[in-house]
Amino acid sequence: QVALVESGGGLVQAGGSLRLACEASSPFTRSAMGWFRQAPGKEREFVAATRWTVGTAFYRDSVKDRFAISKDNGKNSIYLQMNKLKPEHTAMYYCAASVRELAPIAYRAPASYSTWGQGTQVTVSS
């Protein structure tokens, strides 16, 4: 079974940037990949997603002007460039993959994704 491995998290000051990466352990068929985050005591929430072949991107409204998702099909990887970070962006960030074709609204639902990474911690200090 394919594994997703996230990297790039860390501690950064408010206003700083981080670039998260998610690499699949082997090639596999997928329709979409995305990033979710979960802060302590809160539910997992959608951040960004991309269709794997076409590359159409979807974003949480609050991060549209700060975050950018990208992919590298050859490296089986997706990335999340996070700029102008705020303390409220502090969370564990998870990479996920879906093998099903998704309707646009479904990209935002954790239940749409069948494969998940272990997460990478992002901490933004004020």
Protein backbone atom coordinates (compact mmCIF):
# COMPACT_ATOMS: atom_id res chain seq x y z
CA GLN A 1 0.00 0.00 0.00
CA VAL A 2 1.30 3.42 -0.89
CA ALA A 3 2.44 5.71 1.88
CA LEU A 4 2.39 9.50 1.94
CA VAL A 5 5.24 11.22 3.75
CA GLU A 6 5.07 14.89 4.66
CA SER A 7 8.03 17.13 5.40
CA GLY A 8 8.88 20.79 5.73
CA GLY A 9 7.07 21.71 8.91
CA GLY A 10 8.70 23.59 11.73
CA LEU A 11 8.70 26.68 13.91
CA VAL A 12 8.47 30.03 12.18
CA GLN A 13 7.75 33.57 13.28
CA ALA A 14 4.57 35.33 12.24
CA GLY A 15 4.96 36.75 8.75
CA GLY A 16 7.38 34.03 7.73
CA SER A 17 7.07 31.26 5.16
CA LEU A 18 7.26 27.49 5.01
CA ARG A 19 7.08 25.01 2.14
CA LEU A 20 5.55 21.66 2.93
CA ALA A 21 6.18 18.64 0.75
CA CYS A 22 4.33 15.35 0.44
CA GLU A 23 5.86 12.44 -1.42
CA ALA A 24 4.19 9.16 -2.27
CA SER A 25 6.27 6.06 -1.66
CA SER A 26 5.43 4.69 -5.10
CA PRO A 27 3.43 5.64 -8.17
CA PHE A 28 -0.29 5.04 -7.79
CA THR A 29 -3.49 6.06 -9.49
CA ARG A 30 -5.14 9.00 -7.86
CA SER A 31 -7.56 11.70 -8.93
CA ALA A 32 -6.65 14.35 -6.40
CA MET A 33 -4.34 15.23 -3.58
CA GLY A 34 -4.81 17.75 -0.85
CA TRP A 35 -3.66 19.34 2.36
CA PHE A 36 -5.64 19.40 5.58
CA ARG A 37 -4.75 20.69 9.03
CA GLN A 38 -5.82 19.97 12.56
CA ALA A 39 -5.17 22.16 15.57
CA PRO A 40 -5.43 20.76 19.12
CA GLY A 41 -9.05 20.37 20.16
CA LYS A 42 -10.36 21.16 16.69
CA GLU A 43 -11.62 19.13 13.77
CA ARG A 44 -9.50 18.42 10.75
CA GLU A 45 -10.12 21.09 8.14
CA PHE A 46 -9.48 21.54 4.45
CA VAL A 47 -6.62 23.79 3.34
CA ALA A 48 -5.99 23.17 -0.37
CA ALA A 49 -6.30 20.48 -3.02
CA THR A 50 -5.39 19.83 -6.61
CA ARG A 51 -6.64 17.53 -9.31
CA TRP A 52 -3.79 15.20 -10.15
CA THR A 53 -3.95 15.24 -13.95
CA VAL A 54 -5.40 18.63 -14.82
CA GLY A 55 -3.97 20.51 -11.87
CA THR A 56 -7.03 22.56 -10.99
CA ALA A 57 -6.55 23.94 -7.49
CA PHE A 58 -9.02 24.51 -4.70
CA TYR A 59 -8.38 26.57 -1.57
CA ARG A 60 -9.87 27.37 1.75
CA ASP A 61 -11.05 30.98 1.45
CA SER A 62 -8.88 32.23 4.31
CA VAL A 63 -5.63 31.04 2.72
CA LYS A 64 -6.20 31.91 -0.95
CA ASP A 65 -3.87 34.92 -0.87
CA ARG A 66 -1.23 33.26 1.30
CA PHE A 67 -0.89 29.60 0.34
CA ALA A 68 -0.22 27.91 -2.99
CA ILE A 69 -0.49 24.23 -3.80
CA SER A 70 1.60 22.70 -6.55
CA LYS A 71 2.46 19.24 -7.79
CA ASP A 72 5.21 17.34 -9.51
CA ASN A 73 3.78 14.29 -11.23
CA GLY A 74 7.24 12.93 -11.98
CA LYS A 75 8.21 13.02 -8.31
CA ASN A 76 4.84 11.78 -7.08
CA SER A 77 4.73 14.84 -4.88
CA ILE A 78 2.66 17.82 -3.93
CA TYR A 79 3.75 20.96 -2.16
CA LEU A 80 2.17 23.72 -0.10
CA GLN A 81 3.90 27.08 -0.13
CA MET A 82 2.71 29.01 2.90
CA ASN A 83 3.47 32.74 3.08
CA LYS A 84 2.63 35.47 5.57
CA LEU A 85 1.98 32.90 8.25
CA LYS A 86 -0.06 33.75 11.33
CA PRO A 87 -0.22 32.08 14.76
CA GLU A 88 -3.69 30.77 13.86
CA HIS A 89 -2.07 28.69 11.12
CA THR A 90 -0.43 26.57 13.81
CA ALA A 91 -1.56 22.96 13.35
CA MET A 92 -0.55 19.52 12.23
CA TYR A 93 -0.70 19.53 8.44
CA TYR A 94 -1.69 16.34 6.65
CA CYS A 95 -1.36 15.26 3.05
CA ALA A 96 -4.11 13.12 1.55
CA ALA A 97 -4.94 11.38 -1.71
CA SER A 98 -8.21 10.39 -3.33
CA VAL A 99 -8.61 7.62 -5.88
CA ARG A 100 -12.13 8.69 -6.82
CA GLU A 101 -13.12 11.47 -9.16
CA LEU A 102 -14.53 14.21 -6.98
CA ALA A 103 -17.11 16.89 -7.48
CA PRO A 104 -15.67 20.34 -6.71
CA ILE A 105 -17.37 20.55 -3.33
CA ALA A 106 -16.06 17.12 -2.36
CA TYR A 107 -12.44 18.26 -2.47
CA ARG A 108 -13.03 19.97 0.87
CA ALA A 109 -14.26 16.88 2.72
CA PRO A 110 -11.78 14.67 4.59
CA ALA A 111 -14.04 11.69 3.89
CA SER A 112 -13.27 12.05 0.17
CA TYR A 113 -9.67 10.97 0.73
CA SER A 114 -8.64 7.37 1.35
CA THR A 115 -4.90 7.71 1.93
CA TRP A 116 -3.32 9.96 4.54
CA GLY A 117 0.15 10.85 5.69
CA GLN A 118 1.31 11.06 9.30
CA GLY A 119 1.42 14.84 9.30
CA THR A 120 4.01 17.54 9.79
CA GLN A 121 3.76 20.11 12.57
CA VAL A 122 3.64 23.79 11.73
CA THR A 123 4.03 26.23 14.61
CA VAL A 124 3.83 29.96 14.08
CA SER A 125 5.00 32.16 16.93
CA SER A 126 3.72 35.68 17.48
